[in-house]
Amino acid sequence: MSGGETINGVPVTEEQISAWAAEAEVGYDVDALKRRGRGRPGRGAEPAQVVALRLTTEELAALDARAAQEHKSRSELIREAIAAYAA
């Protein structure tokens, strides 16, 4: 596979793609998929709220650099910064 595609940092191989295609051709248990639920998993007992945030190009670049350095997502880094500020 070209482009170095990854899922959660793990390279996607041609063998994995073939296995996914074979699985899809056999078919999926629709009832099991529906039980799994939709969307991202919750972060707590109550639904989380999405908050929009505007950042400059420089702020975003600094955030991304720090997130990469700490092997975290932007969201993780922002949540940690808010928790530290609120403490």
Protein backbone atom coordinates (compact mmCIF):
# COMPACT_ATOMS: atom_id res chain seq x y z
CA MET A 1 0.00 0.00 0.00
CA SER A 2 1.43 3.35 -0.96
CA GLY A 3 1.35 6.47 1.17
CA GLY A 4 2.22 4.76 4.44
CA GLU A 5 -1.39 4.60 5.61
CA THR A 6 -1.80 3.71 9.29
CA ILE A 7 -4.56 2.98 11.77
CA ASN A 8 -3.68 4.02 15.31
CA GLY A 9 -0.06 4.24 14.21
CA VAL A 10 0.03 0.68 12.83
CA PRO A 11 0.83 0.40 9.11
CA VAL A 12 -1.98 -1.01 6.97
CA THR A 13 -0.74 -3.89 4.85
CA GLU A 14 -2.10 -5.38 1.64
CA GLU A 15 -2.72 -8.59 3.61
CA GLN A 16 -4.90 -6.69 6.10
CA ILE A 17 -6.87 -5.09 3.29
CA SER A 18 -7.42 -8.52 1.71
CA ALA A 19 -8.59 -9.91 5.04
CA TRP A 20 -11.05 -7.01 5.47
CA ALA A 21 -12.36 -7.52 1.94
CA ALA A 22 -12.87 -11.26 2.56
CA GLU A 23 -14.68 -10.49 5.81
CA ALA A 24 -16.95 -8.00 4.04
CA GLU A 25 -17.74 -10.47 1.26
CA VAL A 26 -18.87 -13.07 3.80
CA GLY A 27 -21.15 -10.48 5.41
CA TYR A 28 -21.56 -8.89 8.80
CA ASP A 29 -23.90 -9.60 11.69
CA VAL A 30 -26.02 -6.46 11.46
CA ASP A 31 -27.64 -7.03 14.87
CA ALA A 32 -24.21 -7.23 16.52
CA LEU A 33 -23.12 -4.03 14.80
CA LYS A 34 -26.26 -2.22 15.97
CA ARG A 35 -25.70 -3.32 19.59
CA ARG A 36 -22.21 -1.81 19.47
CA GLY A 37 -23.62 1.69 19.27
CA ARG A 38 -22.69 4.65 17.15
CA GLY A 39 -20.14 7.39 17.49
CA ARG A 40 -17.18 7.77 19.73
CA PRO A 41 -17.16 6.10 23.13
CA GLY A 42 -18.20 8.26 26.06
CA ARG A 43 -15.70 9.85 28.41
CA GLY A 44 -17.85 9.63 31.51
CA ALA A 45 -21.27 8.86 32.91
CA GLU A 46 -22.86 11.84 31.15
CA PRO A 47 -22.64 12.83 27.49
CA ALA A 48 -19.65 15.00 26.71
CA GLN A 49 -20.13 18.39 25.08
CA VAL A 50 -18.20 19.50 22.03
CA VAL A 51 -16.68 22.98 22.29
CA ALA A 52 -15.39 24.86 19.24
CA LEU A 53 -12.09 26.68 19.66
CA ARG A 54 -10.39 29.07 17.23
CA LEU A 55 -6.60 29.03 17.13
CA THR A 56 -4.10 30.95 15.04
CA THR A 57 -1.83 29.06 12.67
CA GLU A 58 1.04 29.55 15.10
CA GLU A 59 -0.99 28.32 18.10
CA LEU A 60 -2.13 25.25 16.18
CA ALA A 61 1.42 24.49 15.03
CA ALA A 62 2.70 24.75 18.62
CA LEU A 63 -0.14 22.52 19.86
CA ASP A 64 0.53 19.90 17.18
CA ALA A 65 4.27 19.94 17.88
CA ARG A 66 3.71 19.42 21.60
CA ALA A 67 1.10 16.70 20.97
CA ALA A 68 3.51 14.86 18.66
CA GLN A 69 6.33 15.21 21.20
CA GLU A 70 4.13 13.68 23.92
CA HIS A 71 2.50 11.10 21.59
CA LYS A 72 -0.96 12.51 22.33
CA SER A 73 -3.85 13.88 20.33
CA ARG A 74 -4.73 17.56 20.23
CA SER A 75 -7.80 16.85 22.33
CA GLU A 76 -5.85 14.97 24.99
CA LEU A 77 -3.37 17.81 25.29
CA ILE A 78 -6.09 20.46 25.52
CA ARG A 79 -8.03 18.47 28.15
CA GLU A 80 -4.84 18.04 30.23
CA ALA A 81 -4.06 21.76 29.97
CA ILE A 82 -7.60 22.69 31.11
CA ALA A 83 -7.43 20.22 34.01
CA ALA A 84 -4.06 21.65 35.11
CA TYR A 85 -5.39 25.21 34.86
CA ALA A 86 -8.54 24.36 36.83
CA ALA A 87 -6.61 22.57 39.60
